[in-house]
Amino acid sequence: MCEDTVKPYYISYFVCIYISMTYRTFELLKYNIFRFMSLYVRDVMSRQVCTIAEDDLFKGIIDTLVTNGISGAPVVNSKGDLVGILSEKDLLRRLFPDELEFYQNIECYLTNYGLIAAESKKVFGLTAKDMMRTKVFTIDPDKHIMVAVSIMCANKIRRLPVLVDHKLAGIVSTKDVYRNFLQLMA
């Protein structure tokens, strides 16, 4: 008999260990997913909300986003009422032409750097009110977290302002959802 062959009882021993570990992992995962499924928006949301004033200029908005390490924020008026939402995608769309416009004027964009520079300088005079999206999806803190996730997925957005009595009380983002999910899995 060759010494290099694995004896059958070793194989069955390892199979039993693998099945046992897999079952434990599955039970742990099932338990943690159940815990995640029992969360509400109030359990996950960030209560300290970084906002952008509707009269903030482009450069100030970028400074706010970069300083706070966020990719978007609710826009509020002087009374503190939610009037819109602004993301880094909205800012990038103002800085660069969309794909259709670029390909329709490709020669212009590839040869006329002065025009590109002049166009980009105009952006610095824009305010949040000029660039924000006014159709804002919001959520109540007493809604289930899966409702928030569904709204974000269906509308391809990454954050939902949380309103209580029509006042901004927090924000829930995909980052908050991931953070809480990963904490439960640890």
Protein backbone atom coordinates (compact mmCIF):
# COMPACT_ATOMS: atom_id res chain seq x y z
CA MET A 1 0.00 0.00 0.00
CA CYS A 2 1.26 3.43 -0.90
CA GLU A 3 2.06 5.71 2.08
CA ASP A 4 0.86 8.82 0.20
CA THR A 5 -2.77 7.75 -0.02
CA VAL A 6 -5.25 9.22 2.42
CA LYS A 7 -7.04 6.64 4.50
CA PRO A 8 -10.84 6.67 4.10
CA TYR A 9 -11.53 7.34 7.77
CA TYR A 10 -9.44 10.55 7.56
CA ILE A 11 -11.65 11.76 4.73
CA SER A 12 -14.84 11.06 6.66
CA TYR A 13 -13.38 12.82 9.72
CA PHE A 14 -12.63 15.96 7.67
CA VAL A 15 -16.06 15.82 6.01
CA CYS A 16 -17.71 15.73 9.46
CA ILE A 17 -15.63 18.71 10.63
CA TYR A 18 -16.48 20.63 7.43
CA ILE A 19 -20.20 19.91 7.77
CA SER A 20 -20.13 20.92 11.44
CA MET A 21 -18.30 24.20 10.66
CA THR A 22 -20.60 24.93 7.73
CA TYR A 23 -23.68 24.31 9.87
CA ARG A 24 -22.37 26.59 12.65
CA THR A 25 -21.51 29.28 10.12
CA PHE A 26 -24.95 28.99 8.57
CA GLU A 27 -26.67 29.21 11.99
CA LEU A 28 -24.58 32.27 12.92
CA LEU A 29 -25.30 33.93 9.58
CA LYS A 30 -29.01 33.13 9.85
CA TYR A 31 -29.14 34.58 13.39
CA ASN A 32 -27.31 37.77 12.37
CA ILE A 33 -29.44 38.28 9.27
CA PHE A 34 -32.52 37.89 11.48
CA ARG A 35 -31.09 40.57 13.82
CA PHE A 36 -30.43 42.84 10.83
CA MET A 37 -33.95 42.28 9.55
CA SER A 38 -35.32 43.50 12.89
CA LEU A 39 -33.68 46.94 12.58
CA TYR A 40 -35.54 50.15 11.95
CA VAL A 41 -34.31 53.36 10.35
CA ARG A 42 -33.97 54.97 13.82
CA ASP A 43 -31.48 52.21 14.76
CA VAL A 44 -29.26 52.80 11.74
CA MET A 45 -29.54 56.51 10.85
CA SER A 46 -26.94 59.17 11.58
CA ARG A 47 -28.45 61.81 13.84
CA GLN A 48 -25.80 64.44 13.19
CA VAL A 49 -26.57 65.60 9.68
CA CYS A 50 -24.18 67.71 7.68
CA THR A 51 -26.30 70.03 5.56
CA ILE A 52 -25.65 72.45 2.73
CA ALA A 53 -27.30 75.86 2.63
CA GLU A 54 -29.14 76.57 -0.62
CA ASP A 55 -27.02 79.68 -1.21
CA ASP A 56 -23.64 77.91 -0.69
CA LEU A 57 -21.32 78.25 -3.67
CA PHE A 58 -19.76 75.34 -5.58
CA LYS A 59 -16.35 75.58 -3.86
CA GLY A 60 -17.94 75.76 -0.41
CA ILE A 61 -20.04 72.70 -1.17
CA ILE A 62 -16.97 70.72 -2.22
CA ASP A 63 -15.16 71.86 0.94
CA THR A 64 -18.11 70.69 3.07
CA LEU A 65 -18.24 67.28 1.41
CA VAL A 66 -14.49 66.70 1.55
CA THR A 67 -14.07 68.00 5.11
CA ASN A 68 -16.86 65.77 6.42
CA GLY A 69 -15.90 62.73 4.33
CA ILE A 70 -19.33 62.43 2.73
CA SER A 71 -20.51 62.12 -0.86
CA GLY A 72 -23.72 64.12 -0.57
CA ALA A 73 -25.93 66.05 1.81
CA PRO A 74 -29.41 67.51 2.21
CA VAL A 75 -29.88 71.13 1.14
CA VAL A 76 -31.76 73.37 3.57
CA ASN A 77 -33.14 76.90 3.34
CA SER A 78 -32.60 79.71 5.87
CA LYS A 79 -35.38 78.27 8.09
CA GLY A 80 -33.70 74.85 8.14
CA ASP A 81 -36.36 73.24 5.95
CA LEU A 82 -35.31 70.50 3.55
CA VAL A 83 -35.48 71.89 0.00
CA GLY A 84 -33.29 69.49 -1.95
CA ILE A 85 -30.39 67.08 -1.97
CA LEU A 86 -26.98 67.33 -3.57
CA SER A 87 -24.43 64.61 -4.29
CA GLU A 88 -20.97 64.55 -5.78
CA LYS A 89 -22.56 63.15 -8.96
CA ASP A 90 -24.61 66.34 -9.28
CA LEU A 91 -21.41 68.39 -8.96
CA LEU A 92 -19.53 66.28 -11.50
CA ARG A 93 -22.38 66.64 -13.99
CA ARG A 94 -21.92 70.42 -13.80
CA LEU A 95 -18.17 70.22 -14.29
CA PHE A 96 -18.15 67.87 -17.26
CA PRO A 97 -20.40 67.48 -20.29
CA ASP A 98 -22.67 64.49 -20.47
CA GLU A 99 -21.74 61.72 -22.88
CA LEU A 100 -24.13 62.80 -25.63
CA GLU A 101 -22.96 66.42 -25.54
CA PHE A 102 -19.31 65.32 -25.51
CA TYR A 103 -19.65 63.11 -28.60
CA GLN A 104 -21.72 65.69 -30.47
CA ASN A 105 -18.94 68.26 -29.94
CA ILE A 106 -15.98 65.94 -29.59
CA GLU A 107 -13.66 68.01 -31.77
CA CYS A 108 -14.46 71.12 -29.77
CA TYR A 109 -13.73 69.38 -26.46
CA LEU A 110 -10.52 67.79 -27.70
CA THR A 111 -9.01 70.89 -29.29
CA ASN A 112 -10.36 73.94 -27.47
CA TYR A 113 -8.99 73.81 -23.94
CA GLY A 114 -9.72 77.52 -23.42
CA LEU A 115 -13.44 76.90 -23.91
CA ILE A 116 -13.35 74.00 -21.45
CA ALA A 117 -11.57 76.16 -18.86
CA ALA A 118 -14.05 79.01 -19.37
CA GLU A 119 -17.02 76.66 -19.03
CA SER A 120 -15.63 75.12 -15.83
CA LYS A 121 -15.06 78.57 -14.29
CA LYS A 122 -18.78 79.30 -14.69
CA VAL A 123 -19.52 76.40 -12.37
CA PHE A 124 -17.81 78.16 -9.48
CA GLY A 125 -20.52 80.82 -9.52
CA LEU A 126 -23.33 78.29 -9.11
CA THR A 127 -25.12 77.80 -5.79
CA ALA A 128 -26.55 74.66 -4.26
CA LYS A 129 -29.99 75.84 -5.34
CA ASP A 130 -28.79 75.84 -8.97
CA MET A 131 -27.46 72.27 -8.81
CA MET A 132 -29.60 70.38 -6.26
CA ARG A 133 -32.26 67.83 -7.01
CA THR A 134 -35.61 68.98 -5.66
CA LYS A 135 -37.27 65.57 -5.85
CA VAL A 136 -36.06 64.21 -2.52
CA PHE A 137 -36.96 60.76 -1.28
CA THR A 138 -37.35 60.84 2.51
CA ILE A 139 -38.20 58.31 5.17
CA ASP A 140 -39.70 58.15 8.65
CA PRO A 141 -37.48 56.84 11.49
CA ASP A 142 -40.12 54.24 12.42
CA LYS A 143 -39.92 52.51 9.03
CA HIS A 144 -38.19 49.15 8.70
CA ILE A 145 -34.60 49.32 7.40
CA MET A 146 -35.56 47.14 4.44
CA VAL A 147 -38.03 49.83 3.33
CA ALA A 148 -35.14 52.32 3.28
CA VAL A 149 -32.92 49.87 1.37
CA SER A 150 -35.72 49.23 -1.13
CA ILE A 151 -36.23 52.96 -1.75
CA MET A 152 -32.49 53.49 -2.25
CA CYS A 153 -32.13 50.52 -4.61
CA ALA A 154 -35.25 51.28 -6.64
CA ASN A 155 -34.27 54.92 -7.15
CA LYS A 156 -30.49 54.40 -7.46
CA ILE A 157 -29.72 56.77 -4.59
CA ARG A 158 -27.32 56.40 -1.67
CA ARG A 159 -28.95 58.46 1.10
CA LEU A 160 -32.37 59.23 2.52
CA PRO A 161 -33.06 62.21 4.77
CA VAL A 162 -35.07 61.16 7.83
CA LEU A 163 -37.94 63.50 8.67
CA VAL A 164 -39.93 63.82 11.90
CA ASP A 165 -42.87 66.25 11.70
CA HIS A 166 -41.46 67.59 8.41
CA LYS A 167 -38.14 68.47 10.12
CA LEU A 168 -34.77 66.92 9.32
CA ALA A 169 -33.95 64.50 12.15
CA GLY A 170 -31.21 62.42 10.56
CA ILE A 171 -30.01 60.70 7.45
CA VAL A 172 -29.63 57.05 6.52
CA SER A 173 -27.13 56.12 3.83
CA THR A 174 -25.85 52.95 2.25
CA LYS A 175 -22.74 53.43 4.40
CA ASP A 176 -24.89 53.31 7.57
CA VAL A 177 -26.62 50.15 6.34
CA TYR A 178 -23.32 48.42 5.50
CA ARG A 179 -21.74 49.49 8.80
CA ASN A 180 -24.61 48.05 10.84
CA PHE A 181 -24.77 44.87 8.77
CA LEU A 182 -21.02 44.27 9.16
CA GLN A 183 -21.17 44.96 12.92
CA LEU A 184 -23.82 42.27 13.26
CA MET A 185 -21.70 39.84 11.24
CA ALA A 186 -18.60 40.38 13.39
